[in-house]
């Protein structure tokens, strides 16, 4: 069985550290009012809080993409 990342054409790169995300948030022209809190929860919260925060961010992104 092959490496799924290679088979699907994904670049074999590791996920950037959470600090790298914070540096790019400032450059966004639109953000959620509670984006910093939600991202903090995604990286540092317990499992339940991480999932709920990621879900809220994802739903917001999807809504913006559909506009």
N, C-alpha and C. Protein backbone atom coordinates (compact mmCIF):
# COMPACT_ATOMS: atom_id res chain seq x y z
N UNK A 1 0.86 -1.19 0.00
CA UNK A 1 0.00 0.00 0.00
C UNK A 1 0.89 1.24 0.00
N UNK A 2 0.60 2.20 -0.85
CA UNK A 2 1.41 3.41 -1.00
C UNK A 2 1.10 4.46 0.04
N UNK A 3 1.90 5.49 0.02
CA UNK A 3 1.68 6.64 0.88
C UNK A 3 0.51 7.44 0.33
N UNK A 4 -0.57 7.56 1.12
CA UNK A 4 -1.78 8.24 0.65
C UNK A 4 -1.52 9.68 0.24
N UNK A 5 -0.60 10.37 0.93
CA UNK A 5 -0.31 11.76 0.58
C UNK A 5 0.28 11.83 -0.82
N UNK A 6 1.19 10.92 -1.14
CA UNK A 6 1.79 10.92 -2.46
C UNK A 6 0.76 10.50 -3.50
N UNK A 7 -0.03 9.50 -3.17
CA UNK A 7 -1.03 8.99 -4.11
C UNK A 7 -2.07 10.05 -4.46
N UNK A 8 -2.37 10.95 -3.54
CA UNK A 8 -3.38 11.98 -3.77
C UNK A 8 -2.77 13.28 -4.27
N UNK A 9 -1.47 13.31 -4.46
CA UNK A 9 -0.81 14.50 -4.97
C UNK A 9 -0.51 15.55 -3.92
N UNK A 10 -0.64 15.22 -2.64
CA UNK A 10 -0.33 16.18 -1.59
C UNK A 10 1.17 16.40 -1.51
N UNK A 11 1.55 17.63 -1.22
CA UNK A 11 2.96 17.91 -0.95
C UNK A 11 3.28 17.30 0.41
N UNK A 12 4.42 16.72 0.51
CA UNK A 12 4.80 16.10 1.77
C UNK A 12 5.46 17.13 2.68
N UNK A 13 4.63 17.97 3.26
CA UNK A 13 5.10 19.00 4.17
C UNK A 13 4.38 18.84 5.49
N UNK A 14 5.06 19.20 6.55
CA UNK A 14 4.42 19.14 7.85
C UNK A 14 3.54 20.36 8.03
N UNK A 15 2.59 20.26 8.95
CA UNK A 15 1.72 21.40 9.26
C UNK A 15 2.56 22.45 9.97
N UNK A 16 2.38 23.73 9.60
CA UNK A 16 3.18 24.77 10.26
C UNK A 16 2.79 24.87 11.74
N UNK A 17 3.71 25.34 12.58
CA UNK A 17 3.38 25.51 14.00
C UNK A 17 2.29 26.56 14.16
N UNK A 18 1.58 26.48 15.27
CA UNK A 18 0.46 27.40 15.49
C UNK A 18 0.91 28.85 15.45
N UNK A 19 2.13 29.14 15.83
CA UNK A 19 2.63 30.51 15.79
C UNK A 19 2.63 31.09 14.39
N UNK A 20 2.82 30.24 13.40
CA UNK A 20 2.83 30.71 12.01
C UNK A 20 1.44 31.22 11.60
N UNK A 21 0.41 30.62 12.15
CA UNK A 21 -0.96 31.05 11.84
C UNK A 21 -1.19 32.45 12.39
N UNK A 22 -0.77 32.70 13.61
CA UNK A 22 -1.00 34.00 14.23
C UNK A 22 -0.38 35.12 13.40
N UNK A 23 0.77 34.86 12.82
CA UNK A 23 1.45 35.90 12.03
C UNK A 23 0.64 36.31 10.81
N UNK A 24 -0.12 35.40 10.24
CA UNK A 24 -0.87 35.69 9.02
C UNK A 24 -2.28 36.23 9.29
N UNK A 25 -2.78 36.08 10.48
CA UNK A 25 -4.13 36.56 10.81
C UNK A 25 -4.20 38.08 10.62
N UNK A 26 -3.14 38.79 10.97
CA UNK A 26 -3.12 40.25 10.84
C UNK A 26 -3.35 40.70 9.41
N UNK A 27 -2.94 39.89 8.45
CA UNK A 27 -3.03 40.27 7.03
C UNK A 27 -4.42 40.06 6.44
N UNK A 28 -5.30 39.38 7.14
CA UNK A 28 -6.64 39.12 6.62
C UNK A 28 -7.44 40.42 6.56
N UNK A 29 -8.13 40.63 5.46
CA UNK A 29 -8.93 41.84 5.33
C UNK A 29 -10.27 41.71 6.05
N UNK A 30 -10.78 40.50 6.20
CA UNK A 30 -11.99 40.25 6.97
C UNK A 30 -11.72 39.12 7.95
N UNK A 31 -12.22 39.28 9.15
CA UNK A 31 -12.06 38.25 10.18
C UNK A 31 -13.31 38.23 11.05
N UNK A 32 -13.50 37.11 11.69
CA UNK A 32 -14.57 37.00 12.66
C UNK A 32 -14.21 37.88 13.86
N UNK A 33 -15.20 38.40 14.55
CA UNK A 33 -14.93 39.23 15.73
C UNK A 33 -14.16 38.48 16.80
N UNK A 34 -14.44 37.19 16.93
CA UNK A 34 -13.79 36.38 17.97
C UNK A 34 -12.76 35.40 17.38
N UNK A 35 -12.16 35.78 16.26
CA UNK A 35 -11.22 34.89 15.57
C UNK A 35 -10.05 34.49 16.46
N UNK A 36 -9.45 35.44 17.19
CA UNK A 36 -8.30 35.13 18.03
C UNK A 36 -8.67 34.13 19.12
N UNK A 37 -9.80 34.35 19.74
CA UNK A 37 -10.25 33.44 20.80
C UNK A 37 -10.51 32.05 20.22
N UNK A 38 -11.17 31.99 19.07
CA UNK A 38 -11.48 30.69 18.47
C UNK A 38 -10.21 29.95 18.06
N UNK A 39 -9.26 30.66 17.45
CA UNK A 39 -8.01 30.00 17.06
C UNK A 39 -7.22 29.56 18.29
N UNK A 40 -7.24 30.36 19.32
CA UNK A 40 -6.58 29.96 20.57
C UNK A 40 -7.21 28.67 21.09
N UNK A 41 -8.53 28.57 21.01
CA UNK A 41 -9.23 27.36 21.43
C UNK A 41 -8.86 26.17 20.55
N UNK A 42 -8.73 26.40 19.25
CA UNK A 42 -8.38 25.32 18.32
C UNK A 42 -7.01 24.74 18.67
N UNK A 43 -6.07 25.59 19.02
CA UNK A 43 -4.71 25.13 19.29
C UNK A 43 -4.49 24.69 20.73
N UNK A 44 -5.23 25.27 21.67
CA UNK A 44 -4.93 25.03 23.07
C UNK A 44 -6.07 24.45 23.91
N UNK A 45 -7.28 24.41 23.35
CA UNK A 45 -8.42 23.95 24.12
C UNK A 45 -8.46 22.43 24.25
N UNK A 46 -9.38 21.98 25.11
CA UNK A 46 -9.58 20.53 25.19
C UNK A 46 -10.30 20.06 23.93
N UNK A 47 -10.45 18.79 23.77
CA UNK A 47 -10.99 18.24 22.53
C UNK A 47 -12.36 18.81 22.18
N UNK A 48 -13.24 18.89 23.13
CA UNK A 48 -14.60 19.40 22.88
C UNK A 48 -14.55 20.86 22.42
N UNK A 49 -13.74 21.67 23.06
CA UNK A 49 -13.62 23.09 22.72
C UNK A 49 -12.96 23.24 21.36
N UNK A 50 -11.94 22.42 21.08
CA UNK A 50 -11.27 22.48 19.77
C UNK A 50 -12.26 22.21 18.65
N UNK A 51 -13.04 21.16 18.80
CA UNK A 51 -14.00 20.79 17.76
C UNK A 51 -15.03 21.88 17.56
N UNK A 52 -15.60 22.39 18.64
CA UNK A 52 -16.63 23.43 18.54
C UNK A 52 -16.06 24.70 17.89
N UNK A 53 -14.86 25.06 18.26
CA UNK A 53 -14.24 26.27 17.70
C UNK A 53 -13.93 26.08 16.22
N UNK A 54 -13.37 24.94 15.86
CA UNK A 54 -13.06 24.67 14.46
C UNK A 54 -14.33 24.65 13.62
N UNK A 55 -15.40 24.08 14.17
CA UNK A 55 -16.67 24.03 13.46
C UNK A 55 -17.19 25.44 13.19
N UNK A 56 -17.11 26.31 14.18
CA UNK A 56 -17.59 27.68 14.02
C UNK A 56 -16.77 28.42 12.96
N UNK A 57 -15.44 28.26 13.00
CA UNK A 57 -14.58 28.90 12.00
C UNK A 57 -14.89 28.36 10.61
N UNK A 58 -15.02 27.05 10.50
CA UNK A 58 -15.30 26.42 9.20
C UNK A 58 -16.62 26.90 8.61
N UNK A 59 -17.66 26.96 9.44
CA UNK A 59 -18.97 27.42 8.96
C UNK A 59 -18.90 28.87 8.49
N UNK A 60 -18.14 29.71 9.20
CA UNK A 60 -17.98 31.10 8.80
C UNK A 60 -17.27 31.19 7.46
N UNK A 61 -16.20 30.41 7.28
CA UNK A 61 -15.46 30.42 6.02
C UNK A 61 -16.34 29.96 4.86
N UNK A 62 -17.08 28.89 5.08
CA UNK A 62 -17.96 28.38 4.03
C UNK A 62 -19.01 29.43 3.64
N UNK A 63 -19.59 30.09 4.63
CA UNK A 63 -20.58 31.13 4.34
C UNK A 63 -19.96 32.26 3.53
N UNK A 64 -18.73 32.66 3.86
CA UNK A 64 -18.05 33.72 3.12
C UNK A 64 -17.74 33.29 1.69
N UNK A 65 -17.36 32.03 1.50
CA UNK A 65 -17.06 31.53 0.16
C UNK A 65 -18.32 31.46 -0.71
N UNK A 66 -19.48 31.27 -0.09
CA UNK A 66 -20.73 31.16 -0.86
C UNK A 66 -21.29 32.53 -1.24
N UNK A 67 -20.78 33.58 -0.64
CA UNK A 67 -21.27 34.94 -0.95
C UNK A 67 -20.82 35.40 -2.30
